[in-house]
mmCIF file of all heavy atoms, coordinates in Angstrom:
data_MODEL
# 
_entry.id   MODEL 
# 
loop_
_atom_site.group_PDB 
_atom_site.id 
_atom_site.type_symbol 
_atom_site.label_atom_id 
_atom_site.label_alt_id 
_atom_site.label_comp_id 
_atom_site.label_asym_id 
_atom_site.label_entity_id 
_atom_site.label_seq_id 
_atom_site.pdbx_PDB_ins_code 
_atom_site.Cartn_x 
_atom_site.Cartn_y 
_atom_site.Cartn_z 
_atom_site.occupancy 
_atom_site.B_iso_or_equiv 
_atom_site.pdbx_formal_charge 
_atom_site.auth_seq_id 
_atom_site.auth_comp_id 
_atom_site.auth_asym_id 
_atom_site.auth_atom_id 
_atom_site.pdbx_PDB_model_num 
ATOM 1   N N   . ASP A 1 1  ? 166.237 77.518 21.444 1.00 0.00 ? 1  ASP A N   1 
ATOM 2   C CA  . ASP A 1 1  ? 165.545 76.544 20.603 1.00 0.00 ? 1  ASP A CA  1 
ATOM 3   C C   . ASP A 1 1  ? 166.060 76.816 19.179 1.00 0.00 ? 1  ASP A C   1 
ATOM 4   O O   . ASP A 1 1  ? 165.817 77.894 18.622 1.00 0.00 ? 1  ASP A O   1 
ATOM 5   C CB  . ASP A 1 1  ? 164.087 76.716 20.604 1.00 0.00 ? 1  ASP A CB  1 
ATOM 6   C CG  . ASP A 1 1  ? 163.434 76.201 21.888 1.00 0.00 ? 1  ASP A CG  1 
ATOM 7   O OD1 . ASP A 1 1  ? 163.828 75.083 22.388 1.00 0.00 ? 1  ASP A OD1 1 
ATOM 8   O OD2 . ASP A 1 1  ? 162.501 76.858 22.467 1.00 0.00 ? 1  ASP A OD2 1 
ATOM 9   N N   . LEU A 1 2  ? 166.812 75.898 18.573 1.00 0.00 ? 2  LEU A N   1 
ATOM 10  C CA  . LEU A 1 2  ? 167.253 76.136 17.211 1.00 0.00 ? 2  LEU A CA  1 
ATOM 11  C C   . LEU A 1 2  ? 166.100 76.338 16.246 1.00 0.00 ? 2  LEU A C   1 
ATOM 12  O O   . LEU A 1 2  ? 164.946 75.864 16.538 1.00 0.00 ? 2  LEU A O   1 
ATOM 13  C CB  . LEU A 1 2  ? 168.086 74.889 16.725 1.00 0.00 ? 2  LEU A CB  1 
ATOM 14  C CG  . LEU A 1 2  ? 169.320 74.584 17.514 1.00 0.00 ? 2  LEU A CG  1 
ATOM 15  C CD1 . LEU A 1 2  ? 170.062 73.357 16.918 1.00 0.00 ? 2  LEU A CD1 1 
ATOM 16  C CD2 . LEU A 1 2  ? 170.283 75.758 17.617 1.00 0.00 ? 2  LEU A CD2 1 
ATOM 17  N N   . ARG A 1 3  ? 166.310 77.006 15.178 1.00 0.00 ? 3  ARG A N   1 
ATOM 18  C CA  . ARG A 1 3  ? 165.276 77.206 14.170 1.00 0.00 ? 3  ARG A CA  1 
ATOM 19  C C   . ARG A 1 3  ? 164.631 75.858 13.800 1.00 0.00 ? 3  ARG A C   1 
ATOM 20  O O   . ARG A 1 3  ? 165.377 74.843 13.665 1.00 0.00 ? 3  ARG A O   1 
ATOM 21  C CB  . ARG A 1 3  ? 165.779 77.936 12.915 1.00 0.00 ? 3  ARG A CB  1 
ATOM 22  C CG  . ARG A 1 3  ? 166.828 77.151 12.109 1.00 0.00 ? 3  ARG A CG  1 
ATOM 23  C CD  . ARG A 1 3  ? 167.085 77.729 10.796 1.00 0.00 ? 3  ARG A CD  1 
ATOM 24  N NE  . ARG A 1 3  ? 167.470 79.143 10.873 1.00 0.00 ? 3  ARG A NE  1 
ATOM 25  C CZ  . ARG A 1 3  ? 167.371 80.036 9.855  1.00 0.00 ? 3  ARG A CZ  1 
ATOM 26  N NH1 . ARG A 1 3  ? 166.851 79.601 8.719  1.00 0.00 ? 3  ARG A NH1 1 
ATOM 27  N NH2 . ARG A 1 3  ? 167.706 81.270 10.028 1.00 0.00 ? 3  ARG A NH2 1 
ATOM 28  N N   . GLY A 1 4  ? 163.324 75.806 13.645 1.00 0.00 ? 4  GLY A N   1 
ATOM 29  C CA  . GLY A 1 4  ? 162.661 74.561 13.344 1.00 0.00 ? 4  GLY A CA  1 
ATOM 30  C C   . GLY A 1 4  ? 162.504 73.661 14.549 1.00 0.00 ? 4  GLY A C   1 
ATOM 31  O O   . GLY A 1 4  ? 162.091 72.469 14.375 1.00 0.00 ? 4  GLY A O   1 
ATOM 32  N N   . HIS A 1 5  ? 162.838 74.090 15.731 1.00 0.00 ? 5  HIS A N   1 
ATOM 33  C CA  . HIS A 1 5  ? 162.725 73.266 16.952 1.00 0.00 ? 5  HIS A CA  1 
ATOM 34  C C   . HIS A 1 5  ? 162.124 74.030 18.096 1.00 0.00 ? 5  HIS A C   1 
ATOM 35  O O   . HIS A 1 5  ? 162.139 75.293 18.090 1.00 0.00 ? 5  HIS A O   1 
ATOM 36  C CB  . HIS A 1 5  ? 164.155 72.811 17.400 1.00 0.00 ? 5  HIS A CB  1 
ATOM 37  C CG  . HIS A 1 5  ? 164.851 71.948 16.416 1.00 0.00 ? 5  HIS A CG  1 
ATOM 38  N ND1 . HIS A 1 5  ? 165.428 72.429 15.245 1.00 0.00 ? 5  HIS A ND1 1 
ATOM 39  C CD2 . HIS A 1 5  ? 165.139 70.605 16.473 1.00 0.00 ? 5  HIS A CD2 1 
ATOM 40  C CE1 . HIS A 1 5  ? 166.006 71.405 14.597 1.00 0.00 ? 5  HIS A CE1 1 
ATOM 41  N NE2 . HIS A 1 5  ? 165.806 70.306 15.308 1.00 0.00 ? 5  HIS A NE2 1 
ATOM 42  N N   . GLY A 1 6  ? 161.515 73.287 19.046 1.00 0.00 ? 6  GLY A N   1 
ATOM 43  C CA  . GLY A 1 6  ? 160.967 73.988 20.255 1.00 0.00 ? 6  GLY A CA  1 
ATOM 44  C C   . GLY A 1 6  ? 159.968 75.050 19.857 1.00 0.00 ? 6  GLY A C   1 
ATOM 45  O O   . GLY A 1 6  ? 159.066 74.871 19.059 1.00 0.00 ? 6  GLY A O   1 
ATOM 46  N N   . ASP A 1 7  ? 160.169 76.230 20.477 1.00 0.00 ? 7  ASP A N   1 
ATOM 47  C CA  . ASP A 1 7  ? 159.212 77.344 20.267 1.00 0.00 ? 7  ASP A CA  1 
ATOM 48  C C   . ASP A 1 7  ? 159.765 78.385 19.234 1.00 0.00 ? 7  ASP A C   1 
ATOM 49  O O   . ASP A 1 7  ? 159.188 79.451 19.085 1.00 0.00 ? 7  ASP A O   1 
ATOM 50  C CB  . ASP A 1 7  ? 158.949 78.025 21.584 1.00 0.00 ? 7  ASP A CB  1 
ATOM 51  C CG  . ASP A 1 7  ? 158.213 77.198 22.588 1.00 0.00 ? 7  ASP A CG  1 
ATOM 52  O OD1 . ASP A 1 7  ? 157.436 76.279 22.110 1.00 0.00 ? 7  ASP A OD1 1 
ATOM 53  O OD2 . ASP A 1 7  ? 158.354 77.422 23.757 1.00 0.00 ? 7  ASP A OD2 1 
ATOM 54  N N   . SER A 1 8  ? 160.799 77.947 18.485 1.00 0.00 ? 8  SER A N   1 
ATOM 55  C CA  . SER A 1 8  ? 161.340 78.848 17.419 1.00 0.00 ? 8  SER A CA  1 
ATOM 56  C C   . SER A 1 8  ? 160.624 78.665 16.147 1.00 0.00 ? 8  SER A C   1 
ATOM 57  O O   . SER A 1 8  ? 160.065 77.606 15.888 1.00 0.00 ? 8  SER A O   1 
ATOM 58  C CB  . SER A 1 8  ? 162.834 78.599 17.267 1.00 0.00 ? 8  SER A CB  1 
ATOM 59  O OG  . SER A 1 8  ? 163.610 79.087 18.367 1.00 0.00 ? 8  SER A OG  1 
ATOM 60  N N   . ASP A 1 9  ? 160.671 79.721 15.273 1.00 0.00 ? 9  ASP A N   1 
ATOM 61  C CA  . ASP A 1 9  ? 160.008 79.639 13.959 1.00 0.00 ? 9  ASP A CA  1 
ATOM 62  C C   . ASP A 1 9  ? 160.613 78.549 13.141 1.00 0.00 ? 9  ASP A C   1 
ATOM 63  O O   . ASP A 1 9  ? 161.802 78.186 13.260 1.00 0.00 ? 9  ASP A O   1 
ATOM 64  C CB  . ASP A 1 9  ? 160.155 80.948 13.263 1.00 0.00 ? 9  ASP A CB  1 
ATOM 65  C CG  . ASP A 1 9  ? 159.239 81.997 13.720 1.00 0.00 ? 9  ASP A CG  1 
ATOM 66  O OD1 . ASP A 1 9  ? 158.315 81.746 14.518 1.00 0.00 ? 9  ASP A OD1 1 
ATOM 67  O OD2 . ASP A 1 9  ? 159.399 83.183 13.306 1.00 0.00 ? 9  ASP A OD2 1 
ATOM 68  N N   . TRP A 1 10 ? 159.754 78.049 12.199 1.00 0.00 ? 10 TRP A N   1 
ATOM 69  C CA  . TRP A 1 10 ? 160.269 77.087 11.190 1.00 0.00 ? 10 TRP A CA  1 
ATOM 70  C C   . TRP A 1 10 ? 160.812 77.970 10.049 1.00 0.00 ? 10 TRP A C   1 
ATOM 71  O O   . TRP A 1 10 ? 160.353 79.078 9.786  1.00 0.00 ? 10 TRP A O   1 
ATOM 72  C CB  . TRP A 1 10 ? 159.144 76.205 10.725 1.00 0.00 ? 10 TRP A CB  1 
ATOM 73  C CG  . TRP A 1 10 ? 158.732 75.208 11.744 1.00 0.00 ? 10 TRP A CG  1 
ATOM 74  C CD1 . TRP A 1 10 ? 159.066 75.108 13.064 1.00 0.00 ? 10 TRP A CD1 1 
ATOM 75  C CD2 . TRP A 1 10 ? 157.795 74.095 11.508 1.00 0.00 ? 10 TRP A CD2 1 
ATOM 76  N NE1 . TRP A 1 10 ? 158.487 74.057 13.669 1.00 0.00 ? 10 TRP A NE1 1 
ATOM 77  C CE2 . TRP A 1 10 ? 157.691 73.429 12.786 1.00 0.00 ? 10 TRP A CE2 1 
ATOM 78  C CE3 . TRP A 1 10 ? 157.109 73.667 10.405 1.00 0.00 ? 10 TRP A CE3 1 
ATOM 79  C CZ2 . TRP A 1 10 ? 156.878 72.278 12.899 1.00 0.00 ? 10 TRP A CZ2 1 
ATOM 80  C CZ3 . TRP A 1 10 ? 156.303 72.523 10.550 1.00 0.00 ? 10 TRP A CZ3 1 
ATOM 81  C CH2 . TRP A 1 10 ? 156.230 71.809 11.778 1.00 0.00 ? 10 TRP A CH2 1 
ATOM 82  N N   . SER A 1 11 ? 161.729 77.383 9.291  1.00 0.00 ? 11 SER A N   1 
ATOM 83  C CA  . SER A 1 11 ? 162.391 78.119 8.214  1.00 0.00 ? 11 SER A CA  1 
ATOM 84  C C   . SER A 1 11 ? 161.458 78.152 6.972  1.00 0.00 ? 11 SER A C   1 
ATOM 85  O O   . SER A 1 11 ? 160.928 77.066 6.526  1.00 0.00 ? 11 SER A O   1 
ATOM 86  C CB  . SER A 1 11 ? 163.701 77.420 7.828  1.00 0.00 ? 11 SER A CB  1 
ATOM 87  O OG  . SER A 1 11 ? 164.329 78.142 6.793  1.00 0.00 ? 11 SER A OG  1 
ATOM 88  N N   . PRO A 1 12 ? 161.165 79.324 6.415  1.00 0.00 ? 12 PRO A N   1 
ATOM 89  C CA  . PRO A 1 12 ? 160.349 79.417 5.245  1.00 0.00 ? 12 PRO A CA  1 
ATOM 90  C C   . PRO A 1 12 ? 160.990 78.665 4.088  1.00 0.00 ? 12 PRO A C   1 
ATOM 91  O O   . PRO A 1 12 ? 162.205 78.633 3.891  1.00 0.00 ? 12 PRO A O   1 
ATOM 92  C CB  . PRO A 1 12 ? 160.320 80.913 4.911  1.00 0.00 ? 12 PRO A CB  1 
ATOM 93  C CG  . PRO A 1 12 ? 160.617 81.580 6.199  1.00 0.00 ? 12 PRO A CG  1 
ATOM 94  C CD  . PRO A 1 12 ? 161.565 80.635 6.904  1.00 0.00 ? 12 PRO A CD  1 
ATOM 95  N N   . GLY A 1 13 ? 160.152 77.955 3.301  1.00 0.00 ? 13 GLY A N   1 
ATOM 96  C CA  . GLY A 1 13 ? 160.703 77.189 2.201  1.00 0.00 ? 13 GLY A CA  1 
ATOM 97  C C   . GLY A 1 13 ? 161.257 75.878 2.626  1.00 0.00 ? 13 GLY A C   1 
ATOM 98  O O   . GLY A 1 13 ? 161.806 75.085 1.822  1.00 0.00 ? 13 GLY A O   1 
ATOM 99  N N   . SER A 1 14 ? 161.181 75.581 3.922  1.00 0.00 ? 14 SER A N   1 
ATOM 100 C CA  . SER A 1 14 ? 161.659 74.305 4.465  1.00 0.00 ? 14 SER A CA  1 
ATOM 101 C C   . SER A 1 14 ? 163.130 74.048 4.254  1.00 0.00 ? 14 SER A C   1 
ATOM 102 O O   . SER A 1 14 ? 163.554 72.890 4.076  1.00 0.00 ? 14 SER A O   1 
ATOM 103 C CB  . SER A 1 14 ? 160.794 73.168 3.949  1.00 0.00 ? 14 SER A CB  1 
ATOM 104 O OG  . SER A 1 14 ? 159.471 73.346 4.194  1.00 0.00 ? 14 SER A OG  1 
ATOM 105 N N   . GLU A 1 15 ? 163.962 75.098 4.152  1.00 0.00 ? 15 GLU A N   1 
ATOM 106 C CA  . GLU A 1 15 ? 165.407 74.942 3.912  1.00 0.00 ? 15 GLU A CA  1 
ATOM 107 C C   . GLU A 1 15 ? 166.148 75.173 5.250  1.00 0.00 ? 15 GLU A C   1 
ATOM 108 O O   . GLU A 1 15 ? 165.991 76.167 5.919  1.00 0.00 ? 15 GLU A O   1 
ATOM 109 C CB  . GLU A 1 15 ? 165.810 75.972 2.848  1.00 0.00 ? 15 GLU A CB  1 
ATOM 110 C CG  . GLU A 1 15 ? 167.253 75.712 2.344  1.00 0.00 ? 15 GLU A CG  1 
ATOM 111 C CD  . GLU A 1 15 ? 167.345 74.415 1.559  1.00 0.00 ? 15 GLU A CD  1 
ATOM 112 O OE1 . GLU A 1 15 ? 166.454 74.120 0.737  1.00 0.00 ? 15 GLU A OE1 1 
ATOM 113 O OE2 . GLU A 1 15 ? 168.267 73.625 1.879  1.00 0.00 ? 15 GLU A OE2 1 
ATOM 114 N N   . TYR A 1 16 ? 166.965 74.166 5.565  1.00 0.00 ? 16 TYR A N   1 
ATOM 115 C CA  . TYR A 1 16 ? 167.818 74.293 6.747  1.00 0.00 ? 16 TYR A CA  1 
ATOM 116 C C   . TYR A 1 16 ? 169.221 73.889 6.425  1.00 0.00 ? 16 TYR A C   1 
ATOM 117 O O   . TYR A 1 16 ? 169.497 72.812 5.874  1.00 0.00 ? 16 TYR A O   1 
ATOM 118 C CB  . TYR A 1 16 ? 167.269 73.296 7.871  1.00 0.00 ? 16 TYR A CB  1 
ATOM 119 C CG  . TYR A 1 16 ? 165.920 73.604 8.361  1.00 0.00 ? 16 TYR A CG  1 
ATOM 120 C CD1 . TYR A 1 16 ? 164.766 73.131 7.799  1.00 0.00 ? 16 TYR A CD1 1 
ATOM 121 C CD2 . TYR A 1 16 ? 165.769 74.438 9.507  1.00 0.00 ? 16 TYR A CD2 1 
ATOM 122 C CE1 . TYR A 1 16 ? 163.520 73.392 8.306  1.00 0.00 ? 16 TYR A CE1 1 
ATOM 123 C CE2 . TYR A 1 16 ? 164.522 74.773 10.025 1.00 0.00 ? 16 TYR A CE2 1 
ATOM 124 C CZ  . TYR A 1 16 ? 163.410 74.224 9.413  1.00 0.00 ? 16 TYR A CZ  1 
ATOM 125 O OH  . TYR A 1 16 ? 162.152 74.545 9.897  1.00 0.00 ? 16 TYR A OH  1 
ATOM 126 N N   . THR A 1 17 ? 170.101 74.819 6.733  1.00 0.00 ? 17 THR A N   1 
ATOM 127 C CA  . THR A 1 17 ? 171.567 74.501 6.460  1.00 0.00 ? 17 THR A CA  1 
ATOM 128 C C   . THR A 1 17 ? 172.343 74.762 7.780  1.00 0.00 ? 17 THR A C   1 
ATOM 129 O O   . THR A 1 17 ? 171.879 75.544 8.579  1.00 0.00 ? 17 THR A O   1 
ATOM 130 C CB  . THR A 1 17 ? 172.143 75.424 5.348  1.00 0.00 ? 17 THR A CB  1 
ATOM 131 O OG1 . THR A 1 17 ? 172.143 76.802 5.796  1.00 0.00 ? 17 THR A OG1 1 
ATOM 132 C CG2 . THR A 1 17 ? 171.311 75.322 4.091  1.00 0.00 ? 17 THR A CG2 1 
ATOM 133 N N   . THR A 1 18 ? 173.501 74.116 7.864  1.00 0.00 ? 18 THR A N   1 
ATOM 134 C CA  . THR A 1 18 ? 174.318 74.317 9.018  1.00 0.00 ? 18 THR A CA  1 
ATOM 135 C C   . THR A 1 18 ? 174.740 75.791 9.110  1.00 0.00 ? 18 THR A C   1 
ATOM 136 O O   . THR A 1 18 ? 174.815 76.381 10.241 1.00 0.00 ? 18 THR A O   1 
ATOM 137 C CB  . THR A 1 18 ? 175.576 73.457 8.931  1.00 0.00 ? 18 THR A CB  1 
ATOM 138 O OG1 . THR A 1 18 ? 175.215 72.108 8.618  1.00 0.00 ? 18 THR A OG1 1 
ATOM 139 C CG2 . THR A 1 18 ? 176.352 73.459 10.224 1.00 0.00 ? 18 THR A CG2 1 
ATOM 140 N N   . ALA A 1 19 ? 174.986 76.433 7.951  1.00 0.00 ? 19 ALA A N   1 
ATOM 141 C CA  . ALA A 1 19 ? 175.412 77.814 7.979  1.00 0.00 ? 19 ALA A CA  1 
ATOM 142 C C   . ALA A 1 19 ? 174.306 78.718 8.579  1.00 0.00 ? 19 ALA A C   1 
ATOM 143 O O   . ALA A 1 19 ? 174.606 79.665 9.308  1.00 0.00 ? 19 ALA A O   1 
ATOM 144 C CB  . ALA A 1 19 ? 175.746 78.277 6.567  1.00 0.00 ? 19 ALA A CB  1 
ATOM 145 N N   . GLN A 1 20 ? 173.031 78.413 8.278  1.00 0.00 ? 20 GLN A N   1 
ATOM 146 C CA  . GLN A 1 20 ? 171.969 79.221 8.830  1.00 0.00 ? 20 GLN A CA  1 
ATOM 147 C C   . GLN A 1 20 ? 171.881 79.072 10.344 1.00 0.00 ? 20 GLN A C   1 
ATOM 148 O O   . GLN A 1 20 ? 171.712 80.058 11.044 1.00 0.00 ? 20 GLN A O   1 
ATOM 149 C CB  . GLN A 1 20 ? 170.607 78.765 8.199  1.00 0.00 ? 20 GLN A CB  1 
ATOM 150 C CG  . GLN A 1 20 ? 170.456 79.177 6.728  1.00 0.00 ? 20 GLN A CG  1 
ATOM 151 C CD  . GLN A 1 20 ? 169.228 78.535 6.082  1.00 0.00 ? 20 GLN A CD  1 
ATOM 152 O OE1 . GLN A 1 20 ? 168.855 77.443 6.474  1.00 0.00 ? 20 GLN A OE1 1 
ATOM 153 N NE2 . GLN A 1 20 ? 168.651 79.211 5.072  1.00 0.00 ? 20 GLN A NE2 1 
ATOM 154 N N   . TYR A 1 21 ? 172.053 77.903 10.820 1.00 0.00 ? 21 TYR A N   1 
ATOM 155 C CA  . TYR A 1 21 ? 172.051 77.644 12.299 1.00 0.00 ? 21 TYR A CA  1 
ATOM 156 C C   . TYR A 1 21 ? 173.240 78.387 12.933 1.00 0.00 ? 21 TYR A C   1 
ATOM 157 O O   . TYR A 1 21 ? 173.083 78.944 13.998 1.00 0.00 ? 21 TYR A O   1 
ATOM 158 C CB  . TYR A 1 21 ? 172.164 76.164 12.557 1.00 0.00 ? 21 TYR A CB  1 
ATOM 159 C CG  . TYR A 1 21 ? 170.909 75.320 12.307 1.00 0.00 ? 21 TYR A CG  1 
ATOM 160 C CD1 . TYR A 1 21 ? 170.804 74.443 11.279 1.00 0.00 ? 21 TYR A CD1 1 
ATOM 161 C CD2 . TYR A 1 21 ? 169.819 75.487 13.187 1.00 0.00 ? 21 TYR A CD2 1 
ATOM 162 C CE1 . TYR A 1 21 ? 169.673 73.758 11.073 1.00 0.00 ? 21 TYR A CE1 1 
ATOM 163 C CE2 . TYR A 1 21 ? 168.710 74.681 13.027 1.00 0.00 ? 21 TYR A CE2 1 
ATOM 164 C CZ  . TYR A 1 21 ? 168.598 73.795 11.950 1.00 0.00 ? 21 TYR A CZ  1 
ATOM 165 O OH  . TYR A 1 21 ? 167.450 73.084 11.783 1.00 0.00 ? 21 TYR A OH  1 
ATOM 166 N N   . ALA A 1 22 ? 174.370 78.433 12.249 1.00 0.00 ? 22 ALA A N   1 
ATOM 167 C CA  . ALA A 1 22 ? 175.527 79.043 12.829 1.00 0.00 ? 22 ALA A CA  1 
ATOM 168 C C   . ALA A 1 22 ? 175.307 80.588 12.905 1.00 0.00 ? 22 ALA A C   1 
ATOM 169 O O   . ALA A 1 22 ? 175.741 81.268 13.858 1.00 0.00 ? 22 ALA A O   1 
ATOM 170 C CB  . ALA A 1 22 ? 176.792 78.782 11.994 1.00 0.00 ? 22 ALA A CB  1 
ATOM 171 N N   . VAL A 1 23 ? 174.690 81.176 11.847 1.00 0.00 ? 23 VAL A N   1 
ATOM 172 C CA  . VAL A 1 23 ? 174.357 82.580 11.907 1.00 0.00 ? 23 VAL A CA  1 
ATOM 173 C C   . VAL A 1 23 ? 173.416 82.867 13.035 1.00 0.00 ? 23 VAL A C   1 
ATOM 174 O O   . VAL A 1 23 ? 173.579 83.853 13.733 1.00 0.00 ? 23 VAL A O   1 
ATOM 175 C CB  . VAL A 1 23 ? 173.725 83.045 10.538 1.00 0.00 ? 23 VAL A CB  1 
ATOM 176 C CG1 . VAL A 1 23 ? 173.264 84.475 10.665 1.00 0.00 ? 23 VAL A CG1 1 
ATOM 177 C CG2 . VAL A 1 23 ? 174.759 82.915 9.414  1.00 0.00 ? 23 VAL A CG2 1 
ATOM 178 N N   . ASP A 1 24 ? 172.414 82.031 13.252 1.00 0.00 ? 24 ASP A N   1 
ATOM 179 C CA  . ASP A 1 24 ? 171.523 82.196 14.347 1.00 0.00 ? 24 ASP A CA  1 
ATOM 180 C C   . ASP A 1 24 ? 172.246 82.208 15.710 1.00 0.00 ? 24 ASP A C   1 
ATOM 181 O O   . ASP A 1 24 ? 172.017 83.072 16.543 1.00 0.00 ? 24 ASP A O   1 
ATOM 182 C CB  . ASP A 1 24 ? 170.472 81.092 14.395 1.00 0.00 ? 24 ASP A CB  1 
ATOM 183 C CG  . ASP A 1 24 ? 169.544 81.091 13.205 1.00 0.00 ? 24 ASP A CG  1 
ATOM 184 O OD1 . ASP A 1 24 ? 169.412 82.135 12.523 1.00 0.00 ? 24 ASP A OD1 1 
ATOM 185 O OD2 . ASP A 1 24 ? 168.959 80.025 12.940 1.00 0.00 ? 24 ASP A OD2 1 
# 
């Protein structure tokens, strides 16, 4: 489950970048 989706945590500060998803 990508961050902010499914049962995964939401990103603090509501910031989502492609780079963060790639690191995950």
